Amino acid sequence: MVSINKILLTKSNLRRARGVRIIKIRFLKNMASQDYLIAIALIEQNNIRAMPLGGKEIKDNLDEEGNLKKLGEEVILNLLLRVFQRSDEGALKRVSEDKGLLLVHMHPKRMQKELPFIKSEWIRDGDTNQFLKYLGNLSKEIWTASFVKYKGVDLISIAKNEDI
């Protein structure tokens, strides 16, 4: 019996190994371009604006029934647990009653390059309408999230960008 470590690398084995490597590289490149679903809370803590956010890579088709709600609830729950833990540091207040909790569908490059800038702008000046306008230009879709009694998490689309 031959152990795996003693298998000779023949030309056919090398071709297979290269093929696997190419598939892995293509898979990794594809993963890096996957969109994200990001939860954003617009809050004040001790009268200072803050914007905690959290997200997750979208692996399923959001157009299929239930996928958006399932992933959205997971991302929102994770963010809200972190926000709840922050309450030990001082009083929390939503900045906007209807737009204080957002769910955003965004490409990772835009998330990494442009979201930090508009976040810092909002923290500095607090212009929620301007922030939402910029965010709408960067993202595929934005939903407000709220809790409705007997229904659960309710997502309402407030901006959709077909050009992205």
Protein backbone atom coordinates (compact mmCIF):
# COMPACT_ATOMS: atom_id res chain seq x y z
CA MET A 1 0.00 0.00 0.00
CA VAL A 2 1.36 3.41 -1.00
CA SER A 3 0.91 6.37 1.30
CA ILE A 4 -0.24 9.73 -0.05
CA ASN A 5 3.16 11.23 0.74
CA LYS A 6 4.94 8.72 -1.53
CA ILE A 7 2.87 9.29 -4.70
CA LEU A 8 5.11 10.38 -7.55
CA LEU A 9 4.12 13.56 -9.35
CA THR A 10 3.68 12.47 -12.94
CA LYS A 11 2.86 14.85 -15.77
CA SER A 12 -0.86 14.02 -15.48
CA ASN A 13 -0.79 14.56 -11.70
CA LEU A 14 0.92 17.94 -12.22
CA ARG A 15 -1.74 18.98 -14.74
CA ARG A 16 -4.47 18.01 -12.30
CA ALA A 17 -2.73 19.91 -9.49
CA ARG A 18 -2.42 23.02 -11.69
CA GLY A 19 -6.09 22.69 -12.65
CA VAL A 20 -7.09 22.55 -9.01
CA ARG A 21 -4.90 25.58 -8.28
CA ILE A 22 -6.52 27.53 -11.15
CA ILE A 23 -9.98 26.62 -9.88
CA LYS A 24 -9.00 27.74 -6.36
CA ILE A 25 -7.66 31.06 -7.66
CA ARG A 26 -10.83 31.68 -9.69
CA PHE A 27 -12.95 30.75 -6.66
CA LEU A 28 -11.01 33.13 -4.38
CA LYS A 29 -11.25 35.98 -6.91
CA ASN A 30 -15.00 35.35 -7.20
CA MET A 31 -15.38 35.35 -3.42
CA ALA A 32 -13.56 38.68 -3.13
CA SER A 33 -16.09 40.24 -5.49
CA GLN A 34 -19.17 38.97 -3.63
CA ASP A 35 -21.51 41.68 -2.37
CA TYR A 36 -22.18 42.36 1.29
CA LEU A 37 -25.29 43.01 3.31
CA ILE A 38 -24.46 45.66 5.90
CA ALA A 39 -26.49 46.77 8.92
CA ILE A 40 -25.95 50.37 9.99
CA ALA A 41 -27.22 52.00 13.19
CA LEU A 42 -27.38 55.80 13.33
CA ILE A 43 -27.18 56.56 17.03
CA GLU A 44 -26.06 59.05 19.64
CA GLN A 45 -24.32 57.91 22.78
CA ASN A 46 -23.76 60.48 25.52
CA ASN A 47 -24.74 63.17 22.96
CA ILE A 48 -22.02 62.05 20.53
CA ARG A 49 -22.97 60.62 17.14
CA ALA A 50 -21.86 57.07 16.36
CA MET A 51 -22.41 54.70 13.47
CA PRO A 52 -21.77 51.08 14.41
CA LEU A 53 -22.05 48.73 11.49
CA GLY A 54 -21.71 45.06 10.73
CA GLY A 55 -22.09 42.93 7.68
CA LYS A 56 -21.90 39.59 6.04
CA GLU A 57 -21.02 38.33 2.60
CA ILE A 58 -24.03 37.46 0.45
CA LYS A 59 -23.72 33.83 -0.63
CA ASP A 60 -27.33 33.21 -1.65
CA ASN A 61 -29.50 34.92 -4.23
CA LEU A 62 -31.36 37.75 -2.46
CA ASP A 63 -34.15 37.59 -5.04
CA GLU A 64 -35.18 34.13 -3.85
CA GLU A 65 -38.00 34.29 -1.32
CA GLY A 66 -36.86 34.45 2.29
CA ASN A 67 -33.12 34.88 1.62
CA LEU A 68 -33.06 38.66 2.17
CA LYS A 69 -35.13 38.41 5.33
CA LYS A 70 -33.05 35.56 6.76
CA LEU A 71 -29.64 37.12 6.09
CA GLY A 72 -30.91 40.61 6.96
CA GLU A 73 -32.23 39.47 10.34
CA GLU A 74 -28.92 37.75 11.11
CA VAL A 75 -26.84 40.83 10.25
CA ILE A 76 -29.20 43.15 12.15
CA LEU A 77 -29.26 40.89 15.21
CA ASN A 78 -25.45 40.82 15.36
CA LEU A 79 -25.27 44.61 15.10
CA LEU A 80 -27.99 45.22 17.67
CA LEU A 81 -26.33 42.87 20.16
CA ARG A 82 -23.15 44.94 19.84
CA VAL A 83 -25.13 48.17 20.21
CA PHE A 84 -26.86 46.75 23.29
CA GLN A 85 -23.47 45.94 24.82
CA ARG A 86 -22.42 49.55 24.22
CA SER A 87 -25.28 50.72 26.43
CA ASP A 88 -23.06 50.01 29.45
CA GLU A 89 -20.96 53.00 28.33
CA GLY A 90 -23.87 55.45 28.42
CA ALA A 91 -27.33 56.31 27.18
CA LEU A 92 -28.17 55.42 23.57
CA LYS A 93 -30.59 57.24 21.30
CA ARG A 94 -31.60 56.62 17.69
CA VAL A 95 -30.82 59.66 15.58
CA SER A 96 -33.80 59.05 13.31
CA GLU A 97 -36.91 57.15 14.33
CA ASP A 98 -37.67 55.81 10.86
CA LYS A 99 -34.12 55.70 9.39
CA GLY A 100 -32.05 54.87 12.46
CA LEU A 101 -31.47 51.25 11.46
CA LEU A 102 -30.52 50.51 7.87
CA LEU A 103 -29.73 47.43 5.83
CA VAL A 104 -27.52 48.04 2.78
CA HIS A 105 -26.59 45.84 -0.20
CA MET A 106 -23.11 46.95 -1.29
CA HIS A 107 -20.04 45.78 -3.21
CA PRO A 108 -17.01 45.21 -0.94
CA LYS A 109 -14.74 47.64 -2.83
CA ARG A 110 -17.20 50.50 -2.30
CA MET A 111 -17.67 49.40 1.29
CA GLN A 112 -13.94 49.51 1.97
CA LYS A 113 -13.04 52.66 0.01
CA GLU A 114 -16.03 54.99 0.23
CA LEU A 115 -18.16 53.99 3.22
CA PRO A 116 -15.54 55.15 5.78
CA PHE A 117 -15.56 58.63 4.22
CA ILE A 118 -19.34 59.10 4.28
CA LYS A 119 -19.43 57.62 7.78
CA SER A 120 -16.93 60.18 9.07
CA GLU A 121 -18.85 62.97 7.29
CA TRP A 122 -22.09 61.93 8.99
CA ILE A 123 -20.42 61.64 12.41
CA ARG A 124 -18.96 65.12 11.93
CA ASP A 125 -22.02 66.99 10.61
CA GLY A 126 -25.00 64.71 11.37
CA ASP A 127 -26.76 65.36 8.06
CA THR A 128 -28.77 62.12 7.74
CA ASN A 129 -30.42 63.10 4.44
CA GLN A 130 -27.04 63.83 2.82
CA PHE A 131 -25.64 60.57 4.22
CA LEU A 132 -28.57 58.60 2.74
CA LYS A 133 -28.09 60.33 -0.62
CA TYR A 134 -24.38 59.38 -0.72
CA LEU A 135 -25.14 55.88 0.53
CA GLY A 136 -27.79 55.46 -2.16
CA ASN A 137 -25.20 56.33 -4.81
CA LEU A 138 -22.78 53.69 -3.47
CA SER A 139 -25.15 50.80 -2.88
CA LYS A 140 -27.44 48.52 -4.83
CA GLU A 141 -30.31 48.90 -2.38
CA ILE A 142 -31.08 50.36 1.05
CA TRP A 143 -33.82 49.22 3.41
CA THR A 144 -35.00 50.63 6.70
CA ALA A 145 -35.43 48.00 9.37
CA SER A 146 -38.01 48.06 12.13
CA PHE A 147 -39.83 45.64 14.38
CA VAL A 148 -43.55 45.16 13.81
CA LYS A 149 -45.59 43.39 16.49
CA TYR A 150 -46.74 39.89 15.41
CA LYS A 151 -44.74 40.23 12.17
CA GLY A 152 -41.10 40.53 13.24
CA VAL A 153 -38.43 42.43 11.37
CA ASP A 154 -39.88 44.59 8.60
CA LEU A 155 -37.62 45.76 5.77
CA ILE A 156 -38.79 48.66 3.61
CA SER A 157 -36.77 49.62 0.53
CA ILE A 158 -35.97 53.34 0.50
CA ALA A 159 -33.41 53.45 -2.34
CA LYS A 160 -32.50 51.20 -5.23
CA ASN A 161 -29.66 51.80 -7.66
CA GLU A 162 -30.02 49.77 -10.86
CA ASP A 163 -26.77 51.18 -12.29
CA ILE A 164 -24.52 49.32 -9.85
